[in-house]
Amino acid sequence: MALDTKILHKAWIKRLIRGGGYILLIACIGFLLSRLWSIRQTLSLEHLGWDTLLLILLCGLSFALSQLLLSTAWQLLLKWWGVSKPKLSWCHSLYGRTQIAKYLPGNVFHFAGRQMATKYFSASQAAIAGASLLEILGLFLSSGLLALAGMAYYRLPHAAISPEALLAMLACAVFILLMISFGAQRLAVIKGVFPADHKGSSMLKQILPAYSLYALFFLIYSAHMAVLIQHISGLDCIENFGRLLTLVSIAWLAGYIAPGAPGGLGVREALLVLGLTPLIGEADAIIAAFSLRIVTLLGDLFFFLLALKIPLPTIKKAES
């Protein structure tokens, strides 16, 4: 009876979190639509011609290629968990085929899809799940530190973050990462899901390079936003790149952790509009936010199509 009560309690909490996420998603989309309606008279699209569409298309292709950084980082994390020699081309193919599933409600199905990697790699389900856990931590850590650094430098919002506080946050983040990584790996060894004789795991060879790739991905992602903003509003993207990087990192992180928002849909756009309005005006901010969403959608689609062209190893009929 007590077990049934615990199960019902957990199910109720999950429904509450999911419901809160959907409410947040609806509120953000409603905010965007209301702002779009209120400025419909001043929203000028005459200057957005074929050159804008071409730029969005090129940024989409560039964003697709930048996601190879994410699949390369995934390979490094698989190696950390003792997966025996995961071929990089297989990681690109499997990662790209599953990444597009993040747009399904729940925002978790891309992680679930990667569990099929056990059919191609000599890995346990726990090892693949462990790599997904470290990926979540890495993306959260990279975007969060970039956001904090920008907030400290540009005094955002109005309460300044001192350099000492920023260094303390960085030290805490690195310490927590180390403890979670080694603790989870040690637990996996004890439970027998991690090869105890595996000698290839190295913080310097896998974890730090993987997380550096995440940081590089955010820099490229922000560069797309900067190029779009300069084209739309004329704002100097080089001079204001640091501020744009901060805003994009904050918006991406909020969309990433928002429950029930597929691919951060609505949440990121709402925060970008709020952050960009003081820089370029509300009308251009809305156009820029929607343009970046189109870029990411095209990029995920192109990455998916590219992944389909990269062959996976043949699975025996009995195994499939």
Protein backbone atom coordinates (compact mmCIF):
# COMPACT_ATOMS: atom_id res chain seq x y z
CA MET A 1 0.00 0.00 0.00
CA ALA A 2 2.85 2.35 0.89
CA LEU A 3 4.56 1.51 -2.41
CA ASP A 4 1.43 2.39 -4.36
CA THR A 5 1.22 5.70 -2.50
CA LYS A 6 4.83 6.54 -3.40
CA ILE A 7 4.21 5.69 -7.05
CA LEU A 8 1.11 7.88 -7.15
CA HIS A 9 3.02 10.69 -5.42
CA LYS A 10 5.85 10.55 -7.98
CA ALA A 11 3.36 10.44 -10.86
CA TRP A 12 1.57 13.48 -9.41
CA ILE A 13 4.86 15.41 -9.14
CA LYS A 14 5.75 14.54 -12.74
CA ARG A 15 2.36 15.71 -13.96
CA LEU A 16 2.73 18.92 -11.94
CA ILE A 17 6.16 19.67 -13.44
CA ARG A 18 4.96 18.84 -16.94
CA GLY A 19 1.86 20.98 -16.47
CA GLY A 20 3.98 23.88 -15.23
CA GLY A 21 6.19 23.55 -18.28
CA TYR A 22 3.23 23.67 -20.62
CA ILE A 23 1.85 26.73 -18.82
CA LEU A 24 5.24 28.43 -19.21
CA LEU A 25 5.34 27.51 -22.90
CA ILE A 26 1.84 28.89 -23.53
CA ALA A 27 2.64 32.06 -21.56
CA CYS A 28 5.82 32.72 -23.58
CA ILE A 29 4.11 32.13 -26.91
CA GLY A 30 1.21 34.30 -25.79
CA PHE A 31 3.64 37.06 -24.83
CA LEU A 32 5.30 36.92 -28.25
CA LEU A 33 1.99 36.97 -30.09
CA SER A 34 0.68 39.86 -27.99
CA ARG A 35 3.82 41.93 -28.61
CA LEU A 36 3.71 41.10 -32.29
CA TRP A 37 0.09 42.24 -32.46
CA SER A 38 0.76 45.45 -30.54
CA ILE A 39 3.57 46.57 -32.87
CA ARG A 40 2.03 45.28 -36.09
CA GLN A 41 1.73 48.84 -37.41
CA THR A 42 5.43 49.61 -36.89
CA LEU A 43 6.71 46.20 -37.98
CA SER A 44 8.49 46.85 -41.26
CA LEU A 45 9.51 43.90 -43.41
CA GLU A 46 10.20 45.76 -46.63
CA HIS A 47 13.97 45.70 -46.09
CA LEU A 48 13.93 41.93 -45.57
CA GLY A 49 14.26 40.50 -49.06
CA TRP A 50 15.86 37.54 -50.75
CA ASP A 51 19.21 38.42 -49.21
CA THR A 52 17.69 37.85 -45.75
CA LEU A 53 16.31 34.48 -46.79
CA LEU A 54 19.69 33.54 -48.24
CA LEU A 55 21.43 34.59 -45.03
CA ILE A 56 19.01 32.51 -42.93
CA LEU A 57 19.62 29.52 -45.21
CA LEU A 58 23.41 29.89 -44.96
CA CYS A 59 23.19 30.25 -41.19
CA GLY A 60 21.05 27.11 -41.10
CA LEU A 61 23.72 25.16 -42.99
CA SER A 62 26.41 26.55 -40.70
CA PHE A 63 24.38 25.65 -37.61
CA ALA A 64 23.96 22.10 -38.91
CA LEU A 65 27.72 21.73 -39.29
CA SER A 66 28.33 23.22 -35.85
CA GLN A 67 26.33 20.37 -34.33
CA LEU A 68 29.12 18.02 -35.37
CA LEU A 69 30.84 19.52 -32.32
CA LEU A 70 28.06 18.10 -30.15
CA SER A 71 28.28 14.62 -31.65
CA THR A 72 32.08 14.69 -31.32
CA ALA A 73 31.69 15.60 -27.64
CA TRP A 74 29.23 12.72 -27.28
CA GLN A 75 31.86 10.32 -28.60
CA LEU A 76 34.33 11.58 -25.98
CA LEU A 77 31.75 11.08 -23.22
CA LEU A 78 31.04 7.55 -24.44
CA LYS A 79 34.75 6.80 -24.18
CA TRP A 80 34.76 8.19 -20.64
CA TRP A 81 32.09 5.62 -19.76
CA GLY A 82 34.18 2.76 -21.11
CA VAL A 83 32.46 2.31 -24.48
CA SER A 84 34.93 0.45 -26.63
CA LYS A 85 36.10 2.55 -29.59
CA PRO A 86 32.86 4.25 -30.74
CA LYS A 87 33.51 5.27 -34.33
CA LEU A 88 33.16 9.02 -34.84
CA SER A 89 31.12 8.69 -38.05
CA TRP A 90 28.67 6.41 -36.23
CA CYS A 91 28.34 9.00 -33.45
CA HIS A 92 27.65 11.74 -36.00
CA SER A 93 25.02 9.58 -37.70
CA LEU A 94 23.23 8.40 -34.57
CA TYR A 95 23.37 11.79 -32.84
CA GLY A 96 21.99 13.60 -35.89
CA ARG A 97 19.20 11.07 -36.40
CA THR A 98 18.01 11.44 -32.80
CA GLN A 99 18.67 15.15 -32.18
CA ILE A 100 15.60 16.23 -34.13
CA ALA A 101 13.42 14.34 -31.62
CA LYS A 102 13.97 17.17 -29.11
CA TYR A 103 11.05 18.96 -30.77
CA LEU A 104 8.63 16.31 -29.55
CA PRO A 105 6.67 17.28 -26.41
CA GLY A 106 8.72 16.50 -23.34
CA ASN A 107 12.10 17.52 -24.76
CA VAL A 108 13.69 14.19 -23.74
CA PHE A 109 13.11 11.87 -26.68
CA HIS A 110 16.48 12.68 -28.30
CA PHE A 111 18.16 11.23 -25.21
CA ALA A 112 15.86 8.20 -25.29
CA GLY A 113 16.65 7.66 -28.96
CA ARG A 114 20.38 7.53 -28.27
CA GLN A 115 19.88 4.52 -26.06
CA MET A 116 19.70 2.53 -29.30
CA ALA A 117 23.47 3.02 -29.51
CA THR A 118 23.81 -0.25 -27.62
CA LYS A 119 22.93 -1.99 -30.90
CA TYR A 120 26.02 -0.54 -32.56
CA PHE A 121 28.53 -0.09 -29.73
CA SER A 122 29.83 -2.48 -27.12
CA ALA A 123 28.06 -0.53 -24.40
CA SER A 124 25.45 -1.01 -21.73
CA GLN A 125 22.28 1.04 -21.40
CA ALA A 126 23.74 2.54 -18.22
CA ALA A 127 26.84 3.74 -20.08
CA ILE A 128 24.76 5.51 -22.74
CA ALA A 129 22.59 7.06 -20.03
CA GLY A 130 25.74 8.17 -18.21
CA ALA A 131 26.99 9.92 -21.34
CA SER A 132 23.63 11.69 -21.64
CA LEU A 133 23.88 12.79 -18.00
CA LEU A 134 27.32 14.30 -18.57
CA GLU A 135 26.09 15.94 -21.77
CA ILE A 136 23.28 17.66 -19.86
CA LEU A 137 25.74 18.80 -17.21
CA GLY A 138 28.20 20.00 -19.84
CA LEU A 139 25.67 22.04 -21.79
CA PHE A 140 24.26 23.47 -18.57
CA LEU A 141 27.73 24.31 -17.25
CA SER A 142 29.01 25.86 -20.51
CA SER A 143 25.99 28.06 -21.15
CA GLY A 144 25.67 28.97 -17.49
CA LEU A 145 29.28 30.08 -17.11
CA LEU A 146 29.13 32.11 -20.33
CA ALA A 147 25.97 33.78 -19.06
CA LEU A 148 27.49 34.50 -15.64
CA ALA A 149 30.69 35.87 -17.17
CA GLY A 150 28.70 38.23 -19.38
CA MET A 151 26.47 39.31 -16.51
CA ALA A 152 29.54 40.11 -14.43
CA TYR A 153 31.26 42.04 -17.21
CA TYR A 154 28.23 44.00 -18.43
CA ARG A 155 26.68 44.46 -14.99
CA LEU A 156 23.51 42.60 -15.88
CA PRO A 157 20.90 43.02 -14.73
CA HIS A 158 21.71 45.87 -12.32
CA ALA A 159 23.21 43.86 -9.49
CA ALA A 160 26.85 43.36 -10.40
CA ILE A 161 28.51 39.99 -9.97
CA SER A 162 32.00 40.58 -8.65
CA PRO A 163 34.96 38.80 -10.25
CA GLU A 164 35.57 37.03 -6.94
CA ALA A 165 32.01 35.70 -6.86
CA LEU A 166 32.32 34.59 -10.47
CA LEU A 167 35.53 32.70 -9.73
CA ALA A 168 33.87 31.08 -6.73
CA MET A 169 30.93 29.98 -8.90
CA LEU A 170 33.34 28.59 -11.48
CA ALA A 171 35.28 26.68 -8.83
CA CYS A 172 32.05 25.25 -7.37
CA ALA A 173 30.82 24.24 -10.82
CA VAL A 174 34.07 22.45 -11.67
CA PHE A 175 34.13 20.74 -8.26
CA ILE A 176 30.53 19.55 -8.63
CA LEU A 177 31.29 18.32 -12.13
CA LEU A 178 34.27 16.34 -10.89
CA MET A 179 32.32 14.81 -8.02
CA ILE A 180 29.36 13.83 -10.20
CA SER A 181 31.59 12.43 -12.96
CA PHE A 182 33.82 10.33 -10.73
CA GLY A 183 31.04 9.44 -8.32
CA ALA A 184 28.73 8.21 -11.07
CA GLN A 185 31.55 6.29 -12.72
CA ARG A 186 32.57 4.67 -9.45
CA LEU A 187 28.98 3.68 -8.73
CA ALA A 188 28.78 2.14 -12.19
CA VAL A 189 31.88 0.05 -11.45
CA ILE A 190 30.38 -1.15 -8.19
CA LYS A 191 27.10 -2.06 -9.89
CA GLY A 192 28.96 -3.93 -12.61
CA VAL A 193 27.81 -1.76 -15.54
CA PHE A 194 31.21 -0.17 -16.11
CA PRO A 195 34.31 -2.19 -17.08
CA ALA A 196 36.48 -2.08 -13.98
CA ASP A 197 39.63 -2.77 -16.00
CA HIS A 198 38.98 0.13 -18.37
CA LYS A 199 41.99 2.46 -18.38
CA GLY A 200 40.93 4.93 -21.06
CA SER A 201 38.87 7.32 -18.94
CA SER A 202 40.63 10.62 -18.40
CA MET A 203 39.36 14.01 -17.34
CA LEU A 204 41.96 15.67 -19.61
CA LYS A 205 41.31 13.38 -22.59
CA GLN A 206 37.51 13.24 -22.57
CA ILE A 207 35.63 15.51 -20.13
CA LEU A 208 37.48 18.80 -20.60
CA PRO A 209 37.73 18.50 -24.43
CA ALA A 210 34.03 17.59 -24.61
CA TYR A 211 33.00 20.58 -22.52
CA SER A 212 35.32 22.84 -24.53
CA LEU A 213 33.43 21.74 -27.63
CA TYR A 214 30.17 22.75 -25.95
CA ALA A 215 31.58 26.21 -25.24
CA LEU A 216 32.73 26.52 -28.87
CA PHE A 217 29.25 25.49 -30.01
CA PHE A 218 27.70 28.34 -27.99
CA LEU A 219 30.16 30.82 -29.48
CA ILE A 220 29.15 29.74 -33.01
CA TYR A 221 25.46 29.75 -32.05
CA SER A 222 25.79 33.32 -30.77
CA ALA A 223 27.71 34.32 -33.90
CA HIS A 224 24.65 33.35 -35.97
CA MET A 225 22.52 35.61 -33.80
CA ALA A 226 25.01 38.47 -34.14
CA VAL A 227 25.14 38.19 -37.93
CA LEU A 228 21.34 38.16 -38.17
CA ILE A 229 21.01 41.18 -35.88
CA GLN A 230 23.56 43.20 -37.84
CA HIS A 231 21.71 42.42 -41.08
CA ILE A 232 18.28 43.22 -39.61
CA SER A 233 19.06 46.26 -37.46
CA GLY A 234 22.53 47.44 -38.46
CA LEU A 235 23.94 46.91 -34.95
CA ASP A 236 27.70 46.31 -35.00
CA CYS A 237 27.91 42.57 -34.24
CA ILE A 238 31.63 42.61 -33.46
CA GLU A 239 31.47 45.48 -30.98
CA ASN A 240 28.41 44.00 -29.25
CA PHE A 241 29.27 40.31 -29.54
CA GLY A 242 29.95 39.86 -25.82
CA ARG A 243 26.57 41.26 -24.83
CA LEU A 244 24.81 39.18 -27.49
CA LEU A 245 26.66 36.06 -26.32
CA THR A 246 25.40 36.72 -22.80
CA LEU A 247 21.79 37.17 -23.91
CA VAL A 248 21.85 34.11 -26.15
CA SER A 249 23.40 31.97 -23.40
CA ILE A 250 20.74 33.06 -20.89
CA ALA A 251 17.91 32.44 -23.36
CA TRP A 252 19.31 29.06 -24.44
CA LEU A 253 19.75 27.91 -20.85
CA ALA A 254 16.23 28.95 -19.88
CA GLY A 255 14.77 27.10 -22.85
CA TYR A 256 16.90 24.05 -22.08
CA ILE A 257 15.71 23.64 -18.51
CA ALA A 258 12.08 24.64 -19.14
CA PRO A 259 10.00 21.44 -18.79
CA GLY A 260 7.63 20.68 -21.62
CA ALA A 261 9.10 23.24 -24.06
CA PRO A 262 10.22 21.26 -27.14
CA GLY A 263 13.62 22.60 -28.18
CA GLY A 264 13.09 25.61 -25.91
CA LEU A 265 10.32 26.80 -28.24
CA GLY A 266 8.80 30.09 -27.12
CA VAL A 267 10.90 30.45 -23.99
CA ARG A 268 14.11 31.40 -25.80
CA GLU A 269 12.34 33.74 -28.18
CA ALA A 270 10.56 35.57 -25.34
CA LEU A 271 13.80 36.13 -23.42
CA LEU A 272 15.65 37.20 -26.56
CA VAL A 273 12.98 39.78 -27.33
CA LEU A 274 13.18 41.16 -23.79
CA GLY A 275 16.98 41.28 -23.85
CA LEU A 276 17.41 42.66 -27.38
CA THR A 277 14.71 45.35 -27.23
CA PRO A 278 16.93 47.91 -25.41
CA LEU A 279 19.63 47.36 -28.05
CA ILE A 280 17.75 47.30 -31.35
CA GLY A 281 14.11 48.07 -30.59
CA GLU A 282 11.21 45.71 -30.08
CA ALA A 283 10.26 45.28 -33.75
CA ASP A 284 13.74 44.24 -34.85
CA ALA A 285 14.15 42.13 -31.71
CA ILE A 286 11.08 40.07 -32.61
CA ILE A 287 12.27 39.61 -36.19
CA ALA A 288 15.74 38.59 -34.98
CA ALA A 289 14.37 36.10 -32.43
CA PHE A 290 12.11 34.42 -34.98
CA SER A 291 14.91 34.41 -37.55
CA LEU A 292 17.19 32.58 -35.12
CA ARG A 293 14.47 30.02 -34.47
CA ILE A 294 14.16 29.40 -38.22
CA VAL A 295 17.94 29.01 -38.39
CA THR A 296 17.93 26.37 -35.64
CA LEU A 297 15.00 24.53 -37.19
CA LEU A 298 16.72 24.45 -40.58
CA GLY A 299 20.01 23.48 -38.93
CA ASP A 300 18.45 20.55 -37.09
CA LEU A 301 16.74 19.43 -40.30
CA PHE A 302 19.96 19.68 -42.34
CA PHE A 303 21.87 17.85 -39.61
CA PHE A 304 19.24 15.10 -39.66
CA LEU A 305 19.48 14.76 -43.45
CA LEU A 306 23.28 14.71 -43.24
CA ALA A 307 23.13 12.02 -40.57
CA LEU A 308 20.95 9.86 -42.82
CA LYS A 309 23.74 9.95 -45.41
CA ILE A 310 26.33 8.71 -42.91
CA PRO A 311 26.06 4.89 -42.75
CA LEU A 312 25.65 3.04 -39.50
CA PRO A 313 27.17 -0.43 -38.95
CA THR A 314 25.04 -3.32 -40.14
CA ILE A 315 23.05 -5.05 -37.44
CA LYS A 316 22.51 -8.77 -37.69
CA LYS A 317 18.92 -9.81 -38.28
CA ALA A 318 18.72 -11.65 -34.96
CA GLU A 319 19.99 -8.58 -33.10
CA SER A 320 17.66 -6.13 -34.85
